[in-house]
Every structure is written in structure tokens, then in C-alpha cells.
Amino acid sequence: MPFSKGDPNINRAGRPKKGESLPDLLEKILAESKDGGEFDKREALCRKMIELAFDGESWALREVFDRLYGKPKQVVDQTTRQVAIVIDGEDAEAST
């Protein structure tokens, strides 16, 4: 059935709006000041992570360095044995 102007079955309001996404909600909460303090919750979290890194928590130290300098590149060696692939009988004689 083709579209016709004035059809009462058409949803004129459109798709309902979704609620806030999780990243938007987290950003909103973290932008608030912490207990009326001088810095927001994002800065408080960063300060706490750095404090834990100085206290010797290896995971916090790793996170701080990963955020500052990026994660180190990992090298994966994918070498395999040299294997001849036989397509037909003639190649089999030549490869042996």
C-alpha cells in the first residue's frame, strides 16, 4: 500500500525518544562537583588513581601510564611451517 497524505495510520509523533545513554549519564554525574569541593568528580577520580599508583597499586600505575603514553605495542609472530599445497596430481610429483 503506497503512502497517502492524511492517512490516520501514520505515526505523526515519530519514534519515541530514548533515555540518556550510559556515557551521557556518566558524563553528567562526573561533571558535578564532589561534595561542594573545588574540583569535579572526574578530577577526583584522576587524583585517586594517581594516589593509588604512588601507593604501589600496579593496576593503577599501569592505567596512568596507558592513559598518558598509550598501551605498548604487542608483536605477534605468525610464522608457520613451509607446507606445499597440492592442487592436482602433477603438482604432487613436482613438490616431492
PDB file of N, CA and C in Angstrom:
ATOM      1  N   MET A   1       0.853  -1.172   0.000  1.00  0.00           N
ATOM      2  CA  MET A   1       0.000   0.000   0.000  1.00  0.00           C
ATOM      3  C   MET A   1       0.899   1.236   0.000  1.00  0.00           C
ATOM      4  N   PRO A   2       0.778   2.102  -0.971  1.00  0.00           N
ATOM      5  CA  PRO A   2       1.621   3.290  -1.048  1.00  0.00           C
ATOM      6  C   PRO A   2       1.214   4.334  -0.013  1.00  0.00           C
ATOM      7  N   PHE A   3       2.141   5.231   0.239  1.00  0.00           N
ATOM      8  CA  PHE A   3       1.888   6.323   1.186  1.00  0.00           C
ATOM      9  C   PHE A   3       0.842   7.263   0.613  1.00  0.00           C
ATOM     10  N   SER A   4      -0.097   7.633   1.450  1.00  0.00           N
ATOM     11  CA  SER A   4      -1.095   8.627   1.022  1.00  0.00           C
ATOM     12  C   SER A   4      -1.195   9.702   2.094  1.00  0.00           C
ATOM     13  N   LYS A   5      -1.277  10.936   1.654  1.00  0.00           N
ATOM     14  CA  LYS A   5      -1.321  12.064   2.560  1.00  0.00           C
ATOM     15  C   LYS A   5      -2.604  12.020   3.389  1.00  0.00           C
ATOM     16  N   GLY A   6      -2.474  12.263   4.703  1.00  0.00           N
ATOM     17  CA  GLY A   6      -3.623  12.283   5.592  1.00  0.00           C
ATOM     18  C   GLY A   6      -4.019  10.915   6.115  1.00  0.00           C
ATOM     19  N   ASP A   7      -3.206   9.886   5.861  1.00  0.00           N
ATOM     20  CA  ASP A   7      -3.517   8.539   6.343  1.00  0.00           C
ATOM     21  C   ASP A   7      -3.487   8.531   7.869  1.00  0.00           C
ATOM     22  N   PRO A   8      -4.571   8.090   8.540  1.00  0.00           N
ATOM     23  CA  PRO A   8      -4.597   8.105  10.012  1.00  0.00           C
ATOM     24  C   PRO A   8      -3.678   7.052  10.646  1.00  0.00           C
ATOM     25  N   ASN A   9      -3.181   6.093   9.872  1.00  0.00           N
ATOM     26  CA  ASN A   9      -2.312   5.051  10.426  1.00  0.00           C
ATOM     27  C   ASN A   9      -0.853   5.470  10.520  1.00  0.00           C
ATOM     28  N   ILE A  10      -0.517   6.642  10.039  1.00  0.00           N
ATOM     29  CA  ILE A  10       0.863   7.113  10.072  1.00  0.00           C
ATOM     30  C   ILE A  10       1.177   7.642  11.466  1.00  0.00           C
ATOM     31  N   ASN A  11       2.337   7.278  11.982  1.00  0.00           N
ATOM     32  CA  ASN A  11       2.762   7.741  13.307  1.00  0.00           C
ATOM     33  C   ASN A  11       3.334   9.149  13.166  1.00  0.00           C
ATOM     34  N   ARG A  12       2.537  10.127  13.446  1.00  0.00           N
ATOM     35  CA  ARG A  12       2.954  11.521  13.263  1.00  0.00           C
ATOM     36  C   ARG A  12       3.942  11.980  14.335  1.00  0.00           C
ATOM     37  N   ALA A  13       3.931  11.352  15.492  1.00  0.00           N
ATOM     38  CA  ALA A  13       4.849  11.744  16.567  1.00  0.00           C
ATOM     39  C   ALA A  13       6.251  11.199  16.323  1.00  0.00           C
ATOM     40  N   GLY A  14       6.392  10.222  15.436  1.00  0.00           N
ATOM     41  CA  GLY A  14       7.700   9.647  15.163  1.00  0.00           C
ATOM     42  C   GLY A  14       8.097   8.629  16.217  1.00  0.00           C
ATOM     43  N   ARG A  15       9.300   8.169  16.100  1.00  0.00           N
ATOM     44  CA  ARG A  15       9.810   7.190  17.044  1.00  0.00           C
ATOM     45  C   ARG A  15       9.975   7.838  18.412  1.00  0.00           C
ATOM     46  N   PRO A  16       9.586   7.138  19.480  1.00  0.00           N
ATOM     47  CA  PRO A  16       9.735   7.735  20.808  1.00  0.00           C
ATOM     48  C   PRO A  16      11.206   7.979  21.156  1.00  0.00           C
ATOM     49  N   LYS A  17      11.465   9.039  21.888  1.00  0.00           N
ATOM     50  CA  LYS A  17      12.827   9.377  22.302  1.00  0.00           C
ATOM     51  C   LYS A  17      13.312   8.363  23.326  1.00  0.00           C
ATOM     52  N   LYS A  18      14.589   7.999  23.207  1.00  0.00           N
ATOM     53  CA  LYS A  18      15.198   7.108  24.188  1.00  0.00           C
ATOM     54  C   LYS A  18      15.682   7.933  25.370  1.00  0.00           C
ATOM     55  N   GLY A  19      15.932   7.255  26.471  1.00  0.00           N
ATOM     56  CA  GLY A  19      16.500   7.928  27.629  1.00  0.00           C
ATOM     57  C   GLY A  19      17.961   8.263  27.378  1.00  0.00           C
ATOM     58  N   GLU A  20      18.602   8.838  28.356  1.00  0.00           N
ATOM     59  CA  GLU A  20      20.014   9.189  28.214  1.00  0.00           C
ATOM     60  C   GLU A  20      20.856   7.926  28.067  1.00  0.00           C
ATOM     61  N   SER A  21      21.875   7.986  27.230  1.00  0.00           N
ATOM     62  CA  SER A  21      22.778   6.853  27.091  1.00  0.00           C
ATOM     63  C   SER A  21      23.675   6.783  28.329  1.00  0.00           C
ATOM     64  N   LEU A  22      24.254   5.631  28.554  1.00  0.00           N
ATOM     65  CA  LEU A  22      25.118   5.444  29.722  1.00  0.00           C
ATOM     66  C   LEU A  22      26.306   6.401  29.724  1.00  0.00           C
ATOM     67  N   PRO A  23      27.018   6.573  28.591  1.00  0.00           N
ATOM     68  CA  PRO A  23      28.128   7.539  28.611  1.00  0.00           C
ATOM     69  C   PRO A  23      27.659   8.972  28.912  1.00  0.00           C
ATOM     70  N   ASP A  24      26.490   9.359  28.380  1.00  0.00           N
ATOM     71  CA  ASP A  24      25.975  10.697  28.663  1.00  0.00           C
ATOM     72  C   ASP A  24      25.652  10.859  30.147  1.00  0.00           C
ATOM     73  N   LEU A  25      25.043   9.828  30.716  1.00  0.00           N
ATOM     74  CA  LEU A  25      24.693   9.867  32.139  1.00  0.00           C
ATOM     75  C   LEU A  25      25.944   9.920  33.014  1.00  0.00           C
ATOM     76  N   LEU A  26      26.952   9.110  32.677  1.00  0.00           N
ATOM     77  CA  LEU A  26      28.204   9.131  33.440  1.00  0.00           C
ATOM     78  C   LEU A  26      28.880  10.497  33.342  1.00  0.00           C
ATOM     79  N   GLU A  27      28.887  11.067  32.139  1.00  0.00           N
ATOM     80  CA  GLU A  27      29.500  12.386  31.945  1.00  0.00           C
ATOM     81  C   GLU A  27      28.789  13.440  32.786  1.00  0.00           C
ATOM     82  N   LYS A  28      27.468  13.367  32.822  1.00  0.00           N
ATOM     83  CA  LYS A  28      26.681  14.324  33.601  1.00  0.00           C
ATOM     84  C   LYS A  28      26.988  14.212  35.102  1.00  0.00           C
ATOM     85  N   ILE A  29      27.063  12.967  35.588  1.00  0.00           N
ATOM     86  CA  ILE A  29      27.335  12.750  37.011  1.00  0.00           C
ATOM     87  C   ILE A  29      28.764  13.169  37.355  1.00  0.00           C
ATOM     88  N   LEU A  30      29.716  12.849  36.483  1.00  0.00           N
ATOM     89  CA  LEU A  30      31.108  13.181  36.760  1.00  0.00           C
ATOM     90  C   LEU A  30      31.387  14.676  36.649  1.00  0.00           C
ATOM     91  N   ALA A  31      30.533  15.411  35.948  1.00  0.00           N
ATOM     92  CA  ALA A  31      30.732  16.853  35.813  1.00  0.00           C
ATOM     93  C   ALA A  31      30.314  17.606  37.075  1.00  0.00           C
ATOM     94  N   GLU A  32      29.573  16.949  37.956  1.00  0.00           N
ATOM     95  CA  GLU A  32      29.158  17.590  39.205  1.00  0.00           C
ATOM     96  C   GLU A  32      30.370  17.741  40.123  1.00  0.00           C
ATOM     97  N   SER A  33      30.306  18.739  40.988  1.00  0.00           N
ATOM     98  CA  SER A  33      31.416  18.906  41.931  1.00  0.00           C
ATOM     99  C   SER A  33      31.284  17.875  43.045  1.00  0.00           C
ATOM    100  N   LYS A  34      32.403  17.491  43.594  1.00  0.00           N
ATOM    101  CA  LYS A  34      32.433  16.454  44.630  1.00  0.00           C
ATOM    102  C   LYS A  34      32.273  17.104  45.995  1.00  0.00           C
ATOM    103  N   ASP A  35      31.144  16.835  46.623  1.00  0.00           N
ATOM    104  CA  ASP A  35      30.859  17.336  47.972  1.00  0.00           C
ATOM    105  C   ASP A  35      31.081  18.841  48.088  1.00  0.00           C
ATOM    106  N   GLY A  36      30.709  19.589  47.061  1.00  0.00           N
ATOM    107  CA  GLY A  36      30.866  21.046  47.109  1.00  0.00           C
ATOM    108  C   GLY A  36      32.317  21.485  47.075  1.00  0.00           C
ATOM    109  N   GLY A  37      33.195  20.608  46.655  1.00  0.00           N
ATOM    110  CA  GLY A  37      34.625  20.908  46.634  1.00  0.00           C
ATOM    111  C   GLY A  37      35.015  21.802  45.478  1.00  0.00           C
ATOM    112  N   GLU A  38      36.310  21.996  45.344  1.00  0.00           N
ATOM    113  CA  GLU A  38      36.813  22.911  44.332  1.00  0.00           C
ATOM    114  C   GLU A  38      37.010  22.251  42.970  1.00  0.00           C
ATOM    115  N   PHE A  39      36.917  20.915  42.867  1.00  0.00           N
ATOM    116  CA  PHE A  39      37.070  20.247  41.577  1.00  0.00           C
ATOM    117  C   PHE A  39      35.957  19.228  41.388  1.00  0.00           C
ATOM    118  N   ASP A  40      35.742  18.841  40.128  1.00  0.00           N
ATOM    119  CA  ASP A  40      34.639  17.929  39.822  1.00  0.00           C
ATOM    120  C   ASP A  40      35.037  16.474  40.094  1.00  0.00           C
ATOM    121  N   LYS A  41      34.079  15.586  39.926  1.00  0.00           N
ATOM    122  CA  LYS A  41      34.293  14.173  40.243  1.00  0.00           C
ATOM    123  C   LYS A  41      35.305  13.523  39.302  1.00  0.00           C
ATOM    124  N   ARG A  42      35.380  14.002  38.047  1.00  0.00           N
ATOM    125  CA  ARG A  42      36.385  13.454  37.125  1.00  0.00           C
ATOM    126  C   ARG A  42      37.780  13.681  37.675  1.00  0.00           C
ATOM    127  N   GLU A  43      38.029  14.897  38.125  1.00  0.00           N
ATOM    128  CA  GLU A  43      39.348  15.213  38.667  1.00  0.00           C
ATOM    129  C   GLU A  43      39.605  14.437  39.948  1.00  0.00           C
ATOM    130  N   ALA A  44      38.551  14.253  40.760  1.00  0.00           N
ATOM    131  CA  ALA A  44      38.703  13.483  41.997  1.00  0.00           C
ATOM    132  C   ALA A  44      39.092  12.040  41.689  1.00  0.00           C
ATOM    133  N   LEU A  45      38.478  11.448  40.646  1.00  0.00           N
ATOM    134  CA  LEU A  45      38.839  10.083  40.255  1.00  0.00           C
ATOM    135  C   LEU A  45      40.279  10.005  39.772  1.00  0.00           C
ATOM    136  N   CYS A  46      40.694  10.985  38.977  1.00  0.00           N
ATOM    137  CA  CYS A  46      42.078  11.007  38.487  1.00  0.00           C
ATOM    138  C   CYS A  46      43.061  11.145  39.633  1.00  0.00           C
ATOM    139  N   ARG A  47      42.752  12.020  40.571  1.00  0.00           N
ATOM    140  CA  ARG A  47      43.630  12.202  41.728  1.00  0.00           C
ATOM    141  C   ARG A  47      43.745  10.916  42.539  1.00  0.00           C
ATOM    142  N   LYS A  48      42.609  10.214  42.712  1.00  0.00           N
ATOM    143  CA  LYS A  48      42.603   8.974  43.483  1.00  0.00           C
ATOM    144  C   LYS A  48      43.430   7.898  42.773  1.00  0.00           C
ATOM    145  N   MET A  49      43.300   7.807  41.430  1.00  0.00           N
ATOM    146  CA  MET A  49      44.064   6.805  40.697  1.00  0.00           C
ATOM    147  C   MET A  49      45.558   7.086  40.802  1.00  0.00           C
ATOM    148  N   ILE A  50      45.942   8.337  40.701  1.00  0.00           N
ATOM    149  CA  ILE A  50      47.359   8.687  40.823  1.00  0.00           C
ATOM    150  C   ILE A  50      47.853   8.414  42.241  1.00  0.00           C
ATOM    151  N   GLU A  51      47.010   8.691  43.220  1.00  0.00           N
ATOM    152  CA  GLU A  51      47.374   8.404  44.614  1.00  0.00           C
ATOM    153  C   GLU A  51      47.593   6.902  44.806  1.00  0.00           C
ATOM    154  N   LEU A  52      46.702   6.082  44.239  1.00  0.00           N
ATOM    155  CA  LEU A  52      46.859   4.628  44.343  1.00  0.00           C
ATOM    156  C   LEU A  52      48.110   4.152  43.609  1.00  0.00           C
ATOM    157  N   ALA A  53      48.432   4.793  42.473  1.00  0.00           N
ATOM    158  CA  ALA A  53      49.649   4.435  41.742  1.00  0.00           C
ATOM    159  C   ALA A  53      50.885   4.722  42.597  1.00  0.00           C
ATOM    160  N   PHE A  54      50.891   5.862  43.287  1.00  0.00           N
ATOM    161  CA  PHE A  54      52.026   6.192  44.156  1.00  0.00           C
ATOM    162  C   PHE A  54      52.085   5.279  45.382  1.00  0.00           C
ATOM    163  N   ASP A  55      50.932   4.733  45.775  1.00  0.00           N
ATOM    164  CA  ASP A  55      50.905   3.810  46.909  1.00  0.00           C
ATOM    165  C   ASP A  55      51.341   2.397  46.518  1.00  0.00           C
ATOM    166  N   GLY A  56      51.630   2.180  45.220  1.00  0.00           N
ATOM    167  CA  GLY A  56      52.163   0.895  44.801  1.00  0.00           C
ATOM    168  C   GLY A  56      51.164  -0.036  44.142  1.00  0.00           C
ATOM    169  N   GLU A  57      49.946   0.416  43.874  1.00  0.00           N
ATOM    170  CA  GLU A  57      48.966  -0.427  43.187  1.00  0.00           C
ATOM    171  C   GLU A  57      49.373  -0.543  41.718  1.00  0.00           C
ATOM    172  N   SER A  58      49.751  -1.757  41.311  1.00  0.00           N
ATOM    173  CA  SER A  58      50.275  -1.937  39.953  1.00  0.00           C
ATOM    174  C   SER A  58      49.225  -1.653  38.883  1.00  0.00           C
ATOM    175  N   TRP A  59      47.968  -2.008  39.133  1.00  0.00           N
ATOM    176  CA  TRP A  59      46.927  -1.757  38.131  1.00  0.00           C
ATOM    177  C   TRP A  59      46.727  -0.258  37.925  1.00  0.00           C
ATOM    178  N   ALA A  60      46.817   0.527  39.006  1.00  0.00           N
ATOM    179  CA  ALA A  60      46.646   1.975  38.889  1.00  0.00           C
ATOM    180  C   ALA A  60      47.826   2.590  38.147  1.00  0.00           C
ATOM    181  N   LEU A  61      49.015   2.120  38.435  1.00  0.00           N
ATOM    182  CA  LEU A  61      50.211   2.602  37.744  1.00  0.00           C
ATOM    183  C   LEU A  61      50.119   2.305  36.246  1.00  0.00           C
ATOM    184  N   ARG A  62      49.687   1.078  35.919  1.00  0.00           N
ATOM    185  CA  ARG A  62      49.528   0.684  34.515  1.00  0.00           C
ATOM    186  C   ARG A  62      48.492   1.573  33.822  1.00  0.00           C
ATOM    187  N   GLU A  63      47.372   1.833  34.479  1.00  0.00           N
ATOM    188  CA  GLU A  63      46.324   2.687  33.894  1.00  0.00           C
ATOM    189  C   GLU A  63      46.829   4.107  33.653  1.00  0.00           C
ATOM    190  N   VAL A  64      47.541   4.658  34.615  1.00  0.00           N
ATOM    191  CA  VAL A  64      48.045   6.026  34.463  1.00  0.00           C
ATOM    192  C   VAL A  64      48.989   6.101  33.265  1.00  0.00           C
ATOM    193  N   PHE A  65      49.931   5.160  33.162  1.00  0.00           N
ATOM    194  CA  PHE A  65      50.872   5.188  32.047  1.00  0.00           C
ATOM    195  C   PHE A  65      50.192   4.880  30.715  1.00  0.00           C
ATOM    196  N   ASP A  66      49.212   3.960  30.721  1.00  0.00           N
ATOM    197  CA  ASP A  66      48.487   3.671  29.479  1.00  0.00           C
ATOM    198  C   ASP A  66      47.728   4.892  28.996  1.00  0.00           C
ATOM    199  N   ARG A  67      47.157   5.653  29.921  1.00  0.00           N
ATOM    200  CA  ARG A  67      46.406   6.851  29.536  1.00  0.00           C
ATOM    201  C   ARG A  67      47.335   7.976  29.084  1.00  0.00           C
ATOM    202  N   LEU A  68      48.495   8.081  29.709  1.00  0.00           N
ATOM    203  CA  LEU A  68      49.411   9.159  29.345  1.00  0.00           C
ATOM    204  C   LEU A  68      50.164   8.878  28.052  1.00  0.00           C
ATOM    205  N   TYR A  69      50.680   7.650  27.910  1.00  0.00           N
ATOM    206  CA  TYR A  69      51.583   7.346  26.806  1.00  0.00           C
ATOM    207  C   TYR A  69      51.050   6.302  25.834  1.00  0.00           C
ATOM    208  N   GLY A  70      49.866   5.755  26.095  1.00  0.00           N
ATOM    209  CA  GLY A  70      49.307   4.721  25.237  1.00  0.00           C
ATOM    210  C   GLY A  70      49.838   3.350  25.619  1.00  0.00           C
ATOM    211  N   LYS A  71      49.082   2.345  25.270  1.00  0.00           N
ATOM    212  CA  LYS A  71      49.498   0.979  25.583  1.00  0.00           C
ATOM    213  C   LYS A  71      50.670   0.589  24.688  1.00  0.00           C
ATOM    214  N   PRO A  72      51.613  -0.191  25.211  1.00  0.00           N
ATOM    215  CA  PRO A  72      52.733  -0.633  24.369  1.00  0.00           C
ATOM    216  C   PRO A  72      52.249  -1.573  23.280  1.00  0.00           C
ATOM    217  N   LYS A  73      52.910  -1.506  22.123  1.00  0.00           N
ATOM    218  CA  LYS A  73      52.538  -2.384  21.021  1.00  0.00           C
ATOM    219  C   LYS A  73      52.958  -3.800  21.332  1.00  0.00           C
ATOM    220  N   GLN A  74      52.115  -4.737  20.952  1.00  0.00           N
ATOM    221  CA  GLN A  74      52.424  -6.145  21.143  1.00  0.00           C
ATOM    222  C   GLN A  74      52.727  -6.762  19.784  1.00  0.00           C
ATOM    223  N   VAL A  75      53.796  -7.520  19.728  1.00  0.00           N
ATOM    224  CA  VAL A  75      54.195  -8.172  18.489  1.00  0.00           C
ATOM    225  C   VAL A  75      53.719  -9.618  18.544  1.00  0.00           C
ATOM    226  N   VAL A  76      53.044 -10.024  17.479  1.00  0.00           N
ATOM    227  CA  VAL A  76      52.562 -11.399  17.390  1.00  0.00           C
ATOM    228  C   VAL A  76      53.268 -12.067  16.226  1.00  0.00           C
ATOM    229  N   ASP A  77      53.967 -13.162  16.509  1.00  0.00           N
ATOM    230  CA  ASP A  77      54.683 -13.892  15.469  1.00  0.00           C
ATOM    231  C   ASP A  77      53.746 -14.946  14.893  1.00  0.00           C
ATOM    232  N   GLN A  78      53.483 -14.849  13.593  1.00  0.00           N
ATOM    233  CA  GLN A  78      52.567 -15.789  12.961  1.00  0.00           C
ATOM    234  C   GLN A  78      53.263 -16.618  11.885  1.00  0.00           C
ATOM    235  N   THR A  79      54.487 -16.989  12.139  1.00  0.00           N
ATOM    236  CA  THR A  79      55.195 -17.817  11.156  1.00  0.00           C
ATOM    237  C   THR A  79      54.692 -19.246  11.251  1.00  0.00           C
ATOM    238  N   THR A  80      54.670 -19.911  10.118  1.00  0.00           N
ATOM    239  CA  THR A  80      54.229 -21.305  10.072  1.00  0.00           C
ATOM    240  C   THR A  80      55.259 -22.131   9.325  1.00  0.00           C
ATOM    241  N   ARG A  81      55.088 -23.433   9.372  1.00  0.00           N
ATOM    242  CA  ARG A  81      55.977 -24.310   8.621  1.00  0.00           C
ATOM    243  C   ARG A  81      55.724 -24.103   7.139  1.00  0.00           C
ATOM    244  N   GLN A  82      56.733 -24.338   6.339  1.00  0.00           N
ATOM    245  CA  GLN A  82      56.584 -24.256   4.887  1.00  0.00           C
ATOM    246  C   GLN A  82      55.864 -25.524   4.430  1.00  0.00           C
ATOM    247  N   VAL A  83      54.648 -25.391   3.993  1.00  0.00           N
ATOM    248  CA  VAL A  83      53.844 -26.531   3.569  1.00  0.00           C
ATOM    249  C   VAL A  83      53.434 -26.311   2.126  1.00  0.00           C
ATOM    250  N   ALA A  84      53.684 -27.315   1.282  1.00  0.00           N
ATOM    251  CA  ALA A  84      53.279 -27.235  -0.122  1.00  0.00           C
ATOM    252  C   ALA A  84      51.808 -27.582  -0.235  1.00  0.00           C
ATOM    253  N   ILE A  85      51.075 -26.798  -1.010  1.00  0.00           N
ATOM    254  CA  ILE A  85      49.654 -27.059  -1.232  1.00  0.00           C
ATOM    255  C   ILE A  85      49.515 -27.745  -2.579  1.00  0.00           C
ATOM    256  N   VAL A  86      48.916 -28.913  -2.564  1.00  0.00           N
ATOM    257  CA  VAL A  86      48.761 -29.711  -3.782  1.00  0.00           C
ATOM    258  C   VAL A  86      47.422 -29.381  -4.412  1.00  0.00           C
ATOM    259  N   ILE A  87      47.463 -28.953  -5.685  1.00  0.00           N
ATOM    260  CA  ILE A  87      46.235 -28.601  -6.377  1.00  0.00           C
ATOM    261  C   ILE A  87      45.765 -29.762  -7.249  1.00  0.00           C
ATOM    262  N   ASP A  88      46.668 -30.404  -7.975  1.00  0.00           N
ATOM    263  CA  ASP A  88      46.317 -31.599  -8.742  1.00  0.00           C
ATOM    264  C   ASP A  88      47.492 -32.582  -8.702  1.00  0.00           C
ATOM    265  N   GLY A  89      47.351 -33.722  -9.319  1.00  0.00           N
ATOM    266  CA  GLY A  89      48.351 -34.777  -9.247  1.00  0.00           C
ATOM    267  C   GLY A  89      49.710 -34.388  -9.789  1.00  0.00           C
ATOM    268  N   GLU A  90      49.773 -33.532 -10.783  1.00  0.00           N
ATOM    269  CA  GLU A  90      51.049 -33.145 -11.372  1.00  0.00           C
ATOM    270  C   GLU A  90      51.901 -32.348 -10.392  1.00  0.00           C
ATOM    271  N   ASP A  91      51.263 -31.463  -9.615  1.00  0.00           N
ATOM    272  CA  ASP A  91      51.995 -30.676  -8.612  1.00  0.00           C
ATOM    273  C   ASP A  91      52.545 -31.563  -7.507  1.00  0.00           C
ATOM    274  N   ALA A  92      51.852 -32.647  -7.195  1.00  0.00           N
ATOM    275  CA  ALA A  92      52.290 -33.535  -6.136  1.00  0.00           C
ATOM    276  C   ALA A  92      53.624 -34.175  -6.498  1.00  0.00           C
ATOM    277  N   GLU A  93      53.812 -34.556  -7.742  1.00  0.00           N
ATOM    278  CA  GLU A  93      55.070 -35.163  -8.172  1.00  0.00           C
ATOM    279  C   GLU A  93      56.193 -34.139  -8.154  1.00  0.00           C
ATOM    280  N   ALA A  94      55.879 -32.899  -8.538  1.00  0.00           N
ATOM    281  CA  ALA A  94      56.912 -31.857  -8.606  1.00  0.00           C
ATOM    282  C   ALA A  94      57.361 -31.423  -7.216  1.00  0.00           C
ATOM    283  N   SER A  95      56.443 -31.454  -6.229  1.00  0.00           N
ATOM    284  CA  SER A  95      56.811 -30.945  -4.907  1.00  0.00           C
ATOM    285  C   SER A  95      57.537 -31.978  -4.052  1.00  0.00           C
ATOM    286  N   THR A  96      57.533 -33.258  -4.437  1.00  0.00           N
ATOM    287  CA  THR A  96      58.212 -34.262  -3.623  1.00  0.00           C
ATOM    288  C   THR A  96      59.603 -34.512  -4.095  1.00  0.00           C
TER     289      THR A  96
END
